[in-house]
Amino acid sequence: MNIGIAGAGLLGRLVAWSLAHAGHRVSVFDPSSGPAPRFDGQGAAGFTAAGMLSPTAERETADADLAQRGWQSIDRWQAITDRLSQAQPSLPRLFERQGSLLVAHGSDQGAARRVLARLVDDVDPGAAAQPQVLDAATLTQLEPSLHSTMGRLHAWMLAGEAHIDTVRTLQHLHDDAPDVQWHWAQPVQHIQAGQLDGRPYDWVFDLRGVGAKASCAVRGVRGEIVWLHAPGLGLKRPVRLLHPRHRVYVVPRPGDVVLVGASEIETEDRSPMSLRSAVELMAAAHSVLPALAESRIIRMDTNLRPALPDHRPECHVEPGLVRINGLYRHGWLLGPSLVDEALGQTGLLT
């Protein structure tokens, strides 16, 4: 079939890649100048993401059904990235599944316990993904770079969680989508079943995120990430700091790079990062990873995450038209599950 897609972010590339490999003719339209990341607050929000795939940790702010979608997506990402890596097996892996860590300073243990109580799986209290207490020796063995002096840092393992290299995965999804027609610097204004700006298609996908404001009640929520080069740090797993004020995370990337993030600001301001955000993010990360003191700042990245009023994603399918939006802070965690659901309803993969 002839498929038209509005939006070349995470969802747009994932849908285009899936349908192209299924033999469909796919055209993608996007306002960006090209497929590469821009890091100026104007490109795809999927590039400005650390790539934590943490269904259990996200139970603090997300419902149980979204956590279940997250587990489905982790399995799908493993299969997708394995396929993407086949062409270049010598390059660093796109996906790692070694669990993630929650940590808290001793003085913040009370606040941490309240957060942990919200992460318990109500359906399966014995699930392996429940937070597992780590003593100082075990923590040091798993992640030697963490400040693990007994009594000063408490830690919990979330088994089964994962992280993904968001930038390289988006690039691979673009490069490995056979015969897709990419139309850059071409925003879509009018979408209806079977039409993108008057162009006829068998199926149309509206995957524009914040760009779909004229069609739904989506808004942008500002997110910020600091990229650091930290030779010798050796971090293997994402680390999330439980703190009364901050929910800071540190996520490893290949090449001695780590990403520090978690700021969430109710504004559609796309300007560069503020001094306050930068200081708070890096100070919190340094408090649990002292070796970051000698790291070098690569960039400070900002972008807008698409959120609906209830902070839940929406997936709407009708004949000739699919709309997915509102992934908020869970784009990478929920993307494959929502795409699989939508494509299953269209019958385009059968």
Foldseek 3Di string as FASTA:
>chain_A
DEEEEFDLADLNLVLLQLLLVLPYAYEYEYQAQDQADDLQQPDHCLLVAQFWLQLLLCLLPDDPVLSVLLLVLLVVVVVVQVVLCPVPVPDDGFKDFFWAKEKEFLVFVVLVVVSLVSSQDPVDNPDQQRWAWDALVRVCVQFVQWPRDGNTMTMTTRHGIMGGNRNVVSVSSVVNSPNYHYHYSGHFDDDDFQDTNRDGGQAYEYEHACSCVVPAVKDWKKWKKWKWQQPPSPDDHKYFYRGPVFGWIWHDDPRRMIMITDDTHPDQDSHFDDPVRVCVRVVVVCVTRVSSVPIDTPGMGMYTGIAHPVLDWDWDDDRRYIYIYHCGSCCSSNSVSSSVVRCVVHVSND
